[in-house]
Amino acid sequence: MEREVRQLLADKVSGNLLGLWLLVPEHLRLGTWDLLRTWSGEWAHEALPARLALHLVHEAALCRPTLRTDRSLRHRGFELANGLPWLPTDGALHDLLEAHTVEQAQQLQMGLGQLRRASGHFPGQVLALDPHRLVSYSKRDMLQRRPSATEPATKQVQTFFLLDVKTRQPLCLANASSARDLSSATQELLRLAQQILPRPTGQRPLIVADVEHFTVELLDYVRQHTPFDLLVPLRHTVALQKHYRALPQQGFVRHWAGFAIATETFQPRRTALAAPCYRYIQRTGERPEDYHFKGFVCTQARSEVSALTAAFPDRWHIEEFFRFDQHLGWKRAGTLNLHIRLGQMTLALLAQGLIHQLRQRLGAPFNQWDAVHFARDLFSGLEGDVRVHQDTVLVTYYNAPQAHQWKQHFENLPQRLQKEGVDPRVPWLYNFKLDFRFK
């Protein structure tokens, strides 16, 4: 395999999938190769399973989960970026994912999350929790769920994400069958988050969630087993609205015109814990006949103004994340073998982290491009060639956009990486160094 890769480099490859080589320096900076080798369990010199995993990562970056032999053009430079002289088959990639368990995918997420935290990708102070449910067209017999009260029940594949609302970067994800309840799936996700984030020494991280996460089991679990606080809205019931209106006027603290908050302790029914939660009642409107009330429950006492006016509205950033990056591997249901599906989604999570680093490096306007735009106009839109010179692989781009700015980041790359304390040798390319040219 090494001989064939060296021969392709000596022959000089030309194609339009060479934009993916821009991710190679980000791999080196983040340290993903060791993660993939640990996940694959292969530490030999060839490390074929880790290279196949790298193929899946780059496939996700292209938003094309089927860039396989017999279904895609070869000889375009894509396979070389993975250290392979050929495109793998469906069977080879299926066998790779089939050989790994759900627990191994979770270990890969924890390792990736710790690397991203150390690289400053997210501070982890306010986190958004949300399910991402996809319609399934499987013929399997499975529980059906209603997307909303006005829609019929359908077969669904459930995915749960935890996102840092400040940087809008995902920490981890979990998947489940349609039969699994939300509380147990969320508990699994929070256990992953505890391994990724350091134990807080000051204020506890706050998790903001939607009303469907208001369950006694989840409130008790967060209070008893995690270092987090959970803030969830309460349902709009007639009884609660009656209770809110019966509260005395002096119980509300007016923070600005038309906005006041009352705080009271709250003991959930059937809770196993003696300590109460805290209920925040948000009142909007100036006249009593215009009052509108909304209730929230928090597992610990916090500053209610910042929690309700800053942290909770930021929860909607997770919807922007789905719109921005879901095409990397979280838009279609795919297989219902959960270990295969979780392995593929976790490798897509790795691709998302690399693309985030590249977006930050390239700056405007590229940092505003969604995953599809990035894949179409950058990873698949740059014409170039790959050749080798002594111990360095040279990637040349022709007529790249804003090439004068890119030169500052990518030309003389080995020296730049050494200044950052990063080994410039690319291990899956048999310790060749990498450099770029723009013409």
Foldseek 3Di string as FASTA:
>chain_A
DLVLLQVPQAVWFWAQLCLLLVLLVLCLVLVCLVLLCVLQVDDDQQSVLSLLLVLLLVCLLLLHNPCAPPPHDDRHCSSSSSLDNHGHHPVVLVVSLVVGFPVSLLVSLQSSLQSCVVVVLAPQQEKEKDKDKAFDPDPDDADWDAPDPPGDTGFIWIKMWIAHLVNRATSDMATDGPPDDPQVRVLVVQVSVPSNDDQDPDQFREYEYEQSPPDLSNLLCCLPPHSYKYKYWHDDDPVVVVVVLPDDPVQWDDPDAFWTKGKDWAADPPHPDPGTWMKIWIWGDHDSVPIDIIIMTMSDDDDPCCVVPPRRVSSCSNVVVCVQNCSSQNHHDPDPPRSSSSNSVSSSSVSVSSLCVVLVLVDPPSVVHGSNCCSVCRSRNWIWMWHDDDQEIEIETEPDPPVVSVCVPFAVPCVVCVVVVGHQFRSSSVGRGYGYHYD
